[in-house]
Amino acid sequence: MKGFIEFVRERVVVGFAIGFIMGGAVSKLVSSLVSDIINPALGLILSRTRSLDSMYLQVADARIKWGHFIGSLIDFLIIAFVVYLIIKALNKLYKKEVK
């Protein structure tokens, strides 16, 4: 891990590219978790539908897709939490190296 940290610090552009690619992969993984596991489970619990994504509120001719919004919100919160944990761990490693 120490070698990886030095590599990222020395080659900022390459580190940025690696972070961008890893971020895309994590985003796909979390999106799959939310859409394939969490949304169907919540849909069954909340309204006996197949998925939270299919839940909506009909107002006149408009459909307010609140289930899809909740799924996107869960997706965002999981990704934000993962990024927080990574930044926290990297800061902890950096502080150890400075000492």
PDB file of N, CA and C in Angstrom:
ATOM      1  N   MET A   1       0.831  -1.188   0.000  1.00  0.00           N
ATOM      2  CA  MET A   1       0.000   0.000   0.000  1.00  0.00           C
ATOM      3  C   MET A   1       0.876   1.251   0.000  1.00  0.00           C
ATOM      4  N   LYS A   2       2.001   1.187   0.691  1.00  0.00           N
ATOM      5  CA  LYS A   2       2.897   2.338   0.758  1.00  0.00           C
ATOM      6  C   LYS A   2       3.418   2.700  -0.630  1.00  0.00           C
ATOM      7  N   GLY A   3       3.765   1.674  -1.414  1.00  0.00           N
ATOM      8  CA  GLY A   3       4.242   1.916  -2.771  1.00  0.00           C
ATOM      9  C   GLY A   3       3.175   2.553  -3.645  1.00  0.00           C
ATOM     10  N   PHE A   4       1.930   2.130  -3.462  1.00  0.00           N
ATOM     11  CA  PHE A   4       0.825   2.703  -4.231  1.00  0.00           C
ATOM     12  C   PHE A   4       0.635   4.166  -3.874  1.00  0.00           C
ATOM     13  N   ILE A   5       0.723   4.501  -2.594  1.00  0.00           N
ATOM     14  CA  ILE A   5       0.553   5.898  -2.153  1.00  0.00           C
ATOM     15  C   ILE A   5       1.658   6.771  -2.752  1.00  0.00           C
ATOM     16  N   GLU A   6       2.884   6.277  -2.738  1.00  0.00           N
ATOM     17  CA  GLU A   6       3.991   7.052  -3.325  1.00  0.00           C
ATOM     18  C   GLU A   6       3.791   7.222  -4.830  1.00  0.00           C
ATOM     19  N   PHE A   7       3.334   6.186  -5.484  1.00  0.00           N
ATOM     20  CA  PHE A   7       3.077   6.249  -6.913  1.00  0.00           C
ATOM     21  C   PHE A   7       2.036   7.311  -7.234  1.00  0.00           C
ATOM     22  N   VAL A   8       0.945   7.315  -6.493  1.00  0.00           N
ATOM     23  CA  VAL A   8      -0.119   8.290  -6.730  1.00  0.00           C
ATOM     24  C   VAL A   8       0.385   9.701  -6.453  1.00  0.00           C
ATOM     25  N   ARG A   9       1.168   9.865  -5.406  1.00  0.00           N
ATOM     26  CA  ARG A   9       1.678  11.193  -5.052  1.00  0.00           C
ATOM     27  C   ARG A   9       2.671  11.706  -6.102  1.00  0.00           C
ATOM     28  N   GLU A  10       3.510  10.835  -6.634  1.00  0.00           N
ATOM     29  CA  GLU A  10       4.515  11.253  -7.605  1.00  0.00           C
ATOM     30  C   GLU A  10       3.910  11.520  -8.983  1.00  0.00           C
ATOM     31  N   ARG A  11       2.971  10.739  -9.374  1.00  0.00           N
ATOM     32  CA  ARG A  11       2.367  10.868 -10.706  1.00  0.00           C
ATOM     33  C   ARG A  11       0.889  11.218 -10.560  1.00  0.00           C
ATOM     34  N   VAL A  12       0.622  12.494 -10.341  1.00  0.00           N
ATOM     35  CA  VAL A  12      -0.718  12.961 -10.036  1.00  0.00           C
ATOM     36  C   VAL A  12      -1.693  12.661 -11.180  1.00  0.00           C
ATOM     37  N   VAL A  13      -1.287  12.871 -12.404  1.00  0.00           N
ATOM     38  CA  VAL A  13      -2.183  12.657 -13.534  1.00  0.00           C
ATOM     39  C   VAL A  13      -2.544  11.186 -13.670  1.00  0.00           C
ATOM     40  N   VAL A  14      -1.577  10.317 -13.541  1.00  0.00           N
ATOM     41  CA  VAL A  14      -1.841   8.882 -13.641  1.00  0.00           C
ATOM     42  C   VAL A  14      -2.708   8.452 -12.456  1.00  0.00           C
ATOM     43  N   GLY A  15      -2.427   8.972 -11.283  1.00  0.00           N
ATOM     44  CA  GLY A  15      -3.239   8.669 -10.106  1.00  0.00           C
ATOM     45  C   GLY A  15      -4.669   9.134 -10.288  1.00  0.00           C
ATOM     46  N   PHE A  16      -4.825  10.300 -10.896  1.00  0.00           N
ATOM     47  CA  PHE A  16      -6.171  10.815 -11.170  1.00  0.00           C
ATOM     48  C   PHE A  16      -6.904   9.892 -12.136  1.00  0.00           C
ATOM     49  N   ALA A  17      -6.223   9.424 -13.160  1.00  0.00           N
ATOM     50  CA  ALA A  17      -6.838   8.521 -14.138  1.00  0.00           C
ATOM     51  C   ALA A  17      -7.237   7.201 -13.480  1.00  0.00           C
ATOM     52  N   ILE A  18      -6.358   6.667 -12.633  1.00  0.00           N
ATOM     53  CA  ILE A  18      -6.670   5.421 -11.928  1.00  0.00           C
ATOM     54  C   ILE A  18      -7.881   5.625 -11.021  1.00  0.00           C
ATOM     55  N   GLY A  19      -7.908   6.747 -10.308  1.00  0.00           N
ATOM     56  CA  GLY A  19      -9.041   7.054  -9.441  1.00  0.00           C
ATOM     57  C   GLY A  19     -10.334   7.190 -10.228  1.00  0.00           C
ATOM     58  N   PHE A  20     -10.251   7.800 -11.403  1.00  0.00           N
ATOM     59  CA  PHE A  20     -11.431   7.977 -12.248  1.00  0.00           C
ATOM     60  C   PHE A  20     -11.980   6.631 -12.708  1.00  0.00           C
ATOM     61  N   ILE A  21     -11.089   5.739 -13.132  1.00  0.00           N
ATOM     62  CA  ILE A  21     -11.501   4.410 -13.590  1.00  0.00           C
ATOM     63  C   ILE A  21     -12.077   3.600 -12.428  1.00  0.00           C
ATOM     64  N   MET A  22     -11.427   3.642 -11.280  1.00  0.00           N
ATOM     65  CA  MET A  22     -11.921   2.915 -10.115  1.00  0.00           C
ATOM     66  C   MET A  22     -13.260   3.482  -9.650  1.00  0.00           C
ATOM     67  N   GLY A  23     -13.420   4.796  -9.733  1.00  0.00           N
ATOM     68  CA  GLY A  23     -14.683   5.424  -9.363  1.00  0.00           C
ATOM     69  C   GLY A  23     -15.821   4.955 -10.248  1.00  0.00           C
ATOM     70  N   GLY A  24     -15.556   4.818 -11.546  1.00  0.00           N
ATOM     71  CA  GLY A  24     -16.571   4.313 -12.467  1.00  0.00           C
ATOM     72  C   GLY A  24     -16.965   2.885 -12.142  1.00  0.00           C
ATOM     73  N   ALA A  25     -15.966   2.078 -11.791  1.00  0.00           N
ATOM     74  CA  ALA A  25     -16.243   0.683 -11.446  1.00  0.00           C
ATOM     75  C   ALA A  25     -17.046   0.594 -10.152  1.00  0.00           C
ATOM     76  N   VAL A  26     -16.688   1.391  -9.159  1.00  0.00           N
ATOM     77  CA  VAL A  26     -17.426   1.400  -7.897  1.00  0.00           C
ATOM     78  C   VAL A  26     -18.846   1.890  -8.130  1.00  0.00           C
ATOM     79  N   SER A  27     -19.001   2.894  -8.974  1.00  0.00           N
ATOM     80  CA  SER A  27     -20.327   3.425  -9.277  1.00  0.00           C
ATOM     81  C   SER A  27     -21.217   2.360  -9.910  1.00  0.00           C
ATOM     82  N   LYS A  28     -20.676   1.590 -10.853  1.00  0.00           N
ATOM     83  CA  LYS A  28     -21.448   0.517 -11.485  1.00  0.00           C
ATOM     84  C   LYS A  28     -21.823  -0.553 -10.471  1.00  0.00           C
ATOM     85  N   LEU A  29     -20.881  -0.894  -9.601  1.00  0.00           N
ATOM     86  CA  LEU A  29     -21.130  -1.911  -8.593  1.00  0.00           C
ATOM     87  C   LEU A  29     -22.228  -1.469  -7.626  1.00  0.00           C
ATOM     88  N   VAL A  30     -22.161  -0.234  -7.168  1.00  0.00           N
ATOM     89  CA  VAL A  30     -23.164   0.278  -6.239  1.00  0.00           C
ATOM     90  C   VAL A  30     -24.515   0.404  -6.936  1.00  0.00           C
ATOM     91  N   SER A  31     -24.525   0.857  -8.182  1.00  0.00           N
ATOM     92  CA  SER A  31     -25.785   0.950  -8.922  1.00  0.00           C
ATOM     93  C   SER A  31     -26.443  -0.422  -9.058  1.00  0.00           C
ATOM     94  N   SER A  32     -25.648  -1.438  -9.321  1.00  0.00           N
ATOM     95  CA  SER A  32     -26.177  -2.791  -9.415  1.00  0.00           C
ATOM     96  C   SER A  32     -26.712  -3.256  -8.063  1.00  0.00           C
ATOM     97  N   LEU A  33     -25.992  -2.975  -7.002  1.00  0.00           N
ATOM     98  CA  LEU A  33     -26.445  -3.336  -5.655  1.00  0.00           C
ATOM     99  C   LEU A  33     -27.798  -2.707  -5.359  1.00  0.00           C
ATOM    100  N   VAL A  34     -27.912  -1.420  -5.655  1.00  0.00           N
ATOM    101  CA  VAL A  34     -29.157  -0.710  -5.360  1.00  0.00           C
ATOM    102  C   VAL A  34     -30.293  -1.198  -6.249  1.00  0.00           C
ATOM    103  N   SER A  35     -30.065  -1.296  -7.570  1.00  0.00           N
ATOM    104  CA  SER A  35     -31.163  -1.653  -8.476  1.00  0.00           C
ATOM    105  C   SER A  35     -31.534  -3.133  -8.425  1.00  0.00           C
ATOM    106  N   ASP A  36     -30.580  -4.012  -8.151  1.00  0.00           N
ATOM    107  CA  ASP A  36     -30.848  -5.444  -8.196  1.00  0.00           C
ATOM    108  C   ASP A  36     -31.181  -6.064  -6.844  1.00  0.00           C
ATOM    109  N   ILE A  37     -30.736  -5.440  -5.759  1.00  0.00           N
ATOM    110  CA  ILE A  37     -30.945  -6.041  -4.441  1.00  0.00           C
ATOM    111  C   ILE A  37     -31.780  -5.138  -3.520  1.00  0.00           C
ATOM    112  N   ILE A  38     -31.361  -3.908  -3.334  1.00  0.00           N
ATOM    113  CA  ILE A  38     -32.029  -3.023  -2.371  1.00  0.00           C
ATOM    114  C   ILE A  38     -33.408  -2.592  -2.858  1.00  0.00           C
ATOM    115  N   ASN A  39     -33.520  -2.113  -4.103  1.00  0.00           N
ATOM    116  CA  ASN A  39     -34.817  -1.648  -4.609  1.00  0.00           C
ATOM    117  C   ASN A  39     -35.890  -2.740  -4.619  1.00  0.00           C
ATOM    118  N   PRO A  40     -35.601  -3.945  -5.112  1.00  0.00           N
ATOM    119  CA  PRO A  40     -36.648  -4.978  -5.055  1.00  0.00           C
ATOM    120  C   PRO A  40     -37.065  -5.318  -3.618  1.00  0.00           C
ATOM    121  N   ALA A  41     -36.088  -5.374  -2.713  1.00  0.00           N
ATOM    122  CA  ALA A  41     -36.415  -5.681  -1.316  1.00  0.00           C
ATOM    123  C   ALA A  41     -37.292  -4.588  -0.715  1.00  0.00           C
ATOM    124  N   LEU A  42     -36.922  -3.336  -0.929  1.00  0.00           N
ATOM    125  CA  LEU A  42     -37.738  -2.232  -0.411  1.00  0.00           C
ATOM    126  C   LEU A  42     -39.107  -2.182  -1.083  1.00  0.00           C
ATOM    127  N   GLY A  43     -39.162  -2.477  -2.368  1.00  0.00           N
ATOM    128  CA  GLY A  43     -40.442  -2.504  -3.071  1.00  0.00           C
ATOM    129  C   GLY A  43     -41.381  -3.537  -2.482  1.00  0.00           C
ATOM    130  N   LEU A  44     -40.860  -4.713  -2.173  1.00  0.00           N
ATOM    131  CA  LEU A  44     -41.679  -5.760  -1.567  1.00  0.00           C
ATOM    132  C   LEU A  44     -42.144  -5.371  -0.161  1.00  0.00           C
ATOM    133  N   ILE A  45     -41.244  -4.767   0.592  1.00  0.00           N
ATOM    134  CA  ILE A  45     -41.574  -4.374   1.961  1.00  0.00           C
ATOM    135  C   ILE A  45     -42.603  -3.242   1.982  1.00  0.00           C
ATOM    136  N   LEU A  46     -42.417  -2.246   1.108  1.00  0.00           N
ATOM    137  CA  LEU A  46     -43.259  -1.050   1.164  1.00  0.00           C
ATOM    138  C   LEU A  46     -44.617  -1.222   0.491  1.00  0.00           C
ATOM    139  N   SER A  47     -44.681  -1.925  -0.636  1.00  0.00           N
ATOM    140  CA  SER A  47     -45.968  -1.945  -1.328  1.00  0.00           C
ATOM    141  C   SER A  47     -46.254  -3.225  -2.110  1.00  0.00           C
ATOM    142  N   ARG A  48     -45.530  -4.244  -1.875  1.00  0.00           N
ATOM    143  CA  ARG A  48     -45.737  -5.512  -2.577  1.00  0.00           C
ATOM    144  C   ARG A  48     -45.577  -5.379  -4.091  1.00  0.00           C
ATOM    145  N   THR A  49     -44.713  -4.466  -4.520  1.00  0.00           N
ATOM    146  CA  THR A  49     -44.381  -4.371  -5.944  1.00  0.00           C
ATOM    147  C   THR A  49     -43.045  -5.057  -6.161  1.00  0.00           C
ATOM    148  N   ARG A  50     -42.684  -5.208  -7.410  1.00  0.00           N
ATOM    149  CA  ARG A  50     -41.423  -5.891  -7.709  1.00  0.00           C
ATOM    150  C   ARG A  50     -40.206  -5.032  -7.388  1.00  0.00           C
ATOM    151  N   SER A  51     -40.338  -3.732  -7.524  1.00  0.00           N
ATOM    152  CA  SER A  51     -39.177  -2.868  -7.338  1.00  0.00           C
ATOM    153  C   SER A  51     -39.612  -1.487  -6.864  1.00  0.00           C
ATOM    154  N   LEU A  52     -38.740  -0.860  -6.141  1.00  0.00           N
ATOM    155  CA  LEU A  52     -38.987   0.508  -5.704  1.00  0.00           C
ATOM    156  C   LEU A  52     -39.060   1.445  -6.904  1.00  0.00           C
ATOM    157  N   ASP A  53     -38.328   1.117  -7.977  1.00  0.00           N
ATOM    158  CA  ASP A  53     -38.325   1.958  -9.180  1.00  0.00           C
ATOM    159  C   ASP A  53     -39.698   2.077  -9.830  1.00  0.00           C
ATOM    160  N   SER A  54     -40.549   1.081  -9.622  1.00  0.00           N
ATOM    161  CA  SER A  54     -41.868   1.116 -10.272  1.00  0.00           C
ATOM    162  C   SER A  54     -42.899   1.908  -9.467  1.00  0.00           C
ATOM    163  N   MET A  55     -42.518   2.452  -8.346  1.00  0.00           N
ATOM    164  CA  MET A  55     -43.457   3.203  -7.514  1.00  0.00           C
ATOM    165  C   MET A  55     -43.521   4.654  -7.977  1.00  0.00           C
ATOM    166  N   TYR A  56     -44.716   5.154  -8.133  1.00  0.00           N
ATOM    167  CA  TYR A  56     -44.902   6.532  -8.580  1.00  0.00           C
ATOM    168  C   TYR A  56     -46.204   7.084  -8.031  1.00  0.00           C
ATOM    169  N   LEU A  57     -46.360   8.401  -8.150  1.00  0.00           N
ATOM    170  CA  LEU A  57     -47.570   9.095  -7.749  1.00  0.00           C
ATOM    171  C   LEU A  57     -48.155   9.743  -8.995  1.00  0.00           C
ATOM    172  N   GLN A  58     -49.388   9.410  -9.301  1.00  0.00           N
ATOM    173  CA  GLN A  58     -50.045   9.960 -10.487  1.00  0.00           C
ATOM    174  C   GLN A  58     -50.743  11.266 -10.110  1.00  0.00           C
ATOM    175  N   VAL A  59     -50.353  12.365 -10.762  1.00  0.00           N
ATOM    176  CA  VAL A  59     -50.984  13.665 -10.568  1.00  0.00           C
ATOM    177  C   VAL A  59     -51.403  14.157 -11.952  1.00  0.00           C
ATOM    178  N   ALA A  60     -52.717  14.147 -12.190  1.00  0.00           N
ATOM    179  CA  ALA A  60     -53.271  14.490 -13.510  1.00  0.00           C
ATOM    180  C   ALA A  60     -52.609  13.597 -14.562  1.00  0.00           C
ATOM    181  N   ASP A  61     -51.920  14.199 -15.533  1.00  0.00           N
ATOM    182  CA  ASP A  61     -51.243  13.420 -16.573  1.00  0.00           C
ATOM    183  C   ASP A  61     -49.779  13.139 -16.255  1.00  0.00           C
ATOM    184  N   ALA A  62     -49.307  13.641 -15.146  1.00  0.00           N
ATOM    185  CA  ALA A  62     -47.891  13.507 -14.796  1.00  0.00           C
ATOM    186  C   ALA A  62     -47.673  12.350 -13.822  1.00  0.00           C
ATOM    187  N   ARG A  63     -46.556  11.674 -13.988  1.00  0.00           N
ATOM    188  CA  ARG A  63     -46.138  10.638 -13.043  1.00  0.00           C
ATOM    189  C   ARG A  63     -44.932  11.149 -12.274  1.00  0.00           C
ATOM    190  N   ILE A  64     -45.066  11.205 -10.978  1.00  0.00           N
ATOM    191  CA  ILE A  64     -43.942  11.594 -10.118  1.00  0.00           C
ATOM    192  C   ILE A  64     -43.309  10.294  -9.640  1.00  0.00           C
ATOM    193  N   LYS A  65     -42.134   9.991 -10.187  1.00  0.00           N
ATOM    194  CA  LYS A  65     -41.472   8.712  -9.919  1.00  0.00           C
ATOM    195  C   LYS A  65     -40.623   8.808  -8.653  1.00  0.00           C
ATOM    196  N   TRP A  66     -41.291   8.822  -7.517  1.00  0.00           N
ATOM    197  CA  TRP A  66     -40.587   8.980  -6.256  1.00  0.00           C
ATOM    198  C   TRP A  66     -39.762   7.733  -5.915  1.00  0.00           C
ATOM    199  N   GLY A  67     -40.160   6.568  -6.367  1.00  0.00           N
ATOM    200  CA  GLY A  67     -39.391   5.350  -6.107  1.00  0.00           C
ATOM    201  C   GLY A  67     -38.039   5.377  -6.794  1.00  0.00           C
ATOM    202  N   HIS A  68     -38.017   5.845  -8.040  1.00  0.00           N
ATOM    203  CA  HIS A  68     -36.754   5.966  -8.772  1.00  0.00           C
ATOM    204  C   HIS A  68     -35.840   6.981  -8.090  1.00  0.00           C
ATOM    205  N   PHE A  69     -36.426   8.082  -7.603  1.00  0.00           N
ATOM    206  CA  PHE A  69     -35.644   9.095  -6.901  1.00  0.00           C
ATOM    207  C   PHE A  69     -35.032   8.523  -5.620  1.00  0.00           C
ATOM    208  N   ILE A  70     -35.799   7.763  -4.859  1.00  0.00           N
ATOM    209  CA  ILE A  70     -35.287   7.157  -3.625  1.00  0.00           C
ATOM    210  C   ILE A  70     -34.146   6.186  -3.953  1.00  0.00           C
ATOM    211  N   GLY A  71     -34.285   5.429  -5.027  1.00  0.00           N
ATOM    212  CA  GLY A  71     -33.209   4.524  -5.450  1.00  0.00           C
ATOM    213  C   GLY A  71     -31.937   5.275  -5.807  1.00  0.00           C
ATOM    214  N   SER A  72     -32.098   6.391  -6.518  1.00  0.00           N
ATOM    215  CA  SER A  72     -30.933   7.219  -6.873  1.00  0.00           C
ATOM    216  C   SER A  72     -30.305   7.841  -5.633  1.00  0.00           C
ATOM    217  N   LEU A  73     -31.127   8.224  -4.678  1.00  0.00           N
ATOM    218  CA  LEU A  73     -30.626   8.799  -3.428  1.00  0.00           C
ATOM    219  C   LEU A  73     -29.830   7.759  -2.638  1.00  0.00           C
ATOM    220  N   ILE A  74     -30.342   6.538  -2.562  1.00  0.00           N
ATOM    221  CA  ILE A  74     -29.612   5.461  -1.881  1.00  0.00           C
ATOM    222  C   ILE A  74     -28.289   5.200  -2.581  1.00  0.00           C
ATOM    223  N   ASP A  75     -28.303   5.181  -3.892  1.00  0.00           N
ATOM    224  CA  ASP A  75     -27.099   5.004  -4.707  1.00  0.00           C
ATOM    225  C   ASP A  75     -26.057   6.068  -4.358  1.00  0.00           C
ATOM    226  N   PHE A  76     -26.489   7.330  -4.344  1.00  0.00           N
ATOM    227  CA  PHE A  76     -25.592   8.437  -4.027  1.00  0.00           C
ATOM    228  C   PHE A  76     -25.024   8.307  -2.616  1.00  0.00           C
ATOM    229  N   LEU A  77     -25.868   7.979  -1.643  1.00  0.00           N
ATOM    230  CA  LEU A  77     -25.410   7.894  -0.252  1.00  0.00           C
ATOM    231  C   LEU A  77     -24.372   6.793  -0.066  1.00  0.00           C
ATOM    232  N   ILE A  78     -24.555   5.671  -0.742  1.00  0.00           N
ATOM    233  CA  ILE A  78     -23.575   4.584  -0.627  1.00  0.00           C
ATOM    234  C   ILE A  78     -22.246   5.000  -1.251  1.00  0.00           C
ATOM    235  N   ILE A  79     -22.287   5.614  -2.430  1.00  0.00           N
ATOM    236  CA  ILE A  79     -21.053   6.062  -3.087  1.00  0.00           C
ATOM    237  C   ILE A  79     -20.361   7.134  -2.245  1.00  0.00           C
ATOM    238  N   ALA A  80     -21.112   8.072  -1.707  1.00  0.00           N
ATOM    239  CA  ALA A  80     -20.527   9.121  -0.862  1.00  0.00           C
ATOM    240  C   ALA A  80     -19.872   8.512   0.377  1.00  0.00           C
ATOM    241  N   PHE A  81     -20.501   7.498   0.961  1.00  0.00           N
ATOM    242  CA  PHE A  81     -19.933   6.845   2.139  1.00  0.00           C
ATOM    243  C   PHE A  81     -18.644   6.111   1.795  1.00  0.00           C
ATOM    244  N   VAL A  82     -18.616   5.423   0.655  1.00  0.00           N
ATOM    245  CA  VAL A  82     -17.404   4.716   0.230  1.00  0.00           C
ATOM    246  C   VAL A  82     -16.264   5.710  -0.018  1.00  0.00           C
ATOM    247  N   VAL A  83     -16.554   6.818  -0.685  1.00  0.00           N
ATOM    248  CA  VAL A  83     -15.532   7.842  -0.926  1.00  0.00           C
ATOM    249  C   VAL A  83     -15.032   8.404   0.399  1.00  0.00           C
ATOM    250  N   TYR A  84     -15.933   8.650   1.339  1.00  0.00           N
ATOM    251  CA  TYR A  84     -15.543   9.142   2.665  1.00  0.00           C
ATOM    252  C   TYR A  84     -14.584   8.166   3.346  1.00  0.00           C
ATOM    253  N   LEU A  85     -14.900   6.871   3.306  1.00  0.00           N
ATOM    254  CA  LEU A  85     -14.033   5.881   3.942  1.00  0.00           C
ATOM    255  C   LEU A  85     -12.660   5.821   3.284  1.00  0.00           C
ATOM    256  N   ILE A  86     -12.622   5.923   1.950  1.00  0.00           N
ATOM    257  CA  ILE A  86     -11.340   5.895   1.241  1.00  0.00           C
ATOM    258  C   ILE A  86     -10.494   7.110   1.594  1.00  0.00           C
ATOM    259  N   ILE A  87     -11.109   8.289   1.585  1.00  0.00           N
ATOM    260  CA  ILE A  87     -10.374   9.516   1.925  1.00  0.00           C
ATOM    261  C   ILE A  87      -9.873   9.458   3.365  1.00  0.00           C
ATOM    262  N   LYS A  88     -10.715   8.965   4.265  1.00  0.00           N
ATOM    263  CA  LYS A  88     -10.321   8.851   5.664  1.00  0.00           C
ATOM    264  C   LYS A  88      -9.126   7.908   5.819  1.00  0.00           C
ATOM    265  N   ALA A  89      -9.153   6.769   5.120  1.00  0.00           N
ATOM    266  CA  ALA A  89      -8.056   5.809   5.199  1.00  0.00           C
ATOM    267  C   ALA A  89      -6.770   6.384   4.602  1.00  0.00           C
ATOM    268  N   LEU A  90      -6.886   7.079   3.464  1.00  0.00           N
ATOM    269  CA  LEU A  90      -5.697   7.682   2.851  1.00  0.00           C
ATOM    270  C   LEU A  90      -5.108   8.774   3.733  1.00  0.00           C
ATOM    271  N   ASN A  91      -5.950   9.570   4.371  1.00  0.00           N
ATOM    272  CA  ASN A  91      -5.457  10.599   5.289  1.00  0.00           C
ATOM    273  C   ASN A  91      -4.741   9.979   6.478  1.00  0.00           C
ATOM    274  N   LYS A  92      -5.268   8.872   6.992  1.00  0.00           N
ATOM    275  CA  LYS A  92      -4.641   8.182   8.102  1.00  0.00           C
ATOM    276  C   LYS A  92      -3.262   7.650   7.692  1.00  0.00           C
ATOM    277  N   LEU A  93      -3.162   7.066   6.500  1.00  0.00           N
ATOM    278  CA  LEU A  93      -1.871   6.567   6.007  1.00  0.00           C
ATOM    279  C   LEU A  93      -0.887   7.709   5.790  1.00  0.00           C
ATOM    280  N   TYR A  94      -1.379   8.817   5.267  1.00  0.00           N
ATOM    281  CA  TYR A  94      -0.512   9.965   5.011  1.00  0.00           C
ATOM    282  C   TYR A  94       0.035  10.538   6.307  1.00  0.00           C
ATOM    283  N   LYS A  95      -0.790  10.613   7.345  1.00  0.00           N
ATOM    284  CA  LYS A  95      -0.340  11.112   8.645  1.00  0.00           C
ATOM    285  C   LYS A  95       0.713  10.206   9.251  1.00  0.00           C
ATOM    286  N   LYS A  96       0.578   8.898   9.070  1.00  0.00           N
ATOM    287  CA  LYS A  96       1.592   7.954   9.566  1.00  0.00           C
ATOM    288  C   LYS A  96       2.917   8.160   8.867  1.00  0.00           C
ATOM    289  N   GLU A  97       2.881   8.432   7.539  1.00  0.00           N
ATOM    290  CA  GLU A  97       4.109   8.623   6.775  1.00  0.00           C
ATOM    291  C   GLU A  97       4.798   9.925   7.152  1.00  0.00           C
ATOM    292  N   VAL A  98       4.033  10.964   7.480  1.00  0.00           N
ATOM    293  CA  VAL A  98       4.627  12.251   7.831  1.00  0.00           C
ATOM    294  C   VAL A  98       5.388  12.143   9.139  1.00  0.00           C
ATOM    295  N   LYS A  99       4.868  11.369  10.098  1.00  0.00           N
ATOM    296  CA  LYS A  99       5.551  11.208  11.380  1.00  0.00           C
ATOM    297  C   LYS A  99       6.853  10.488  11.163  1.00  0.00           C
TER     298      LYS A  99
END
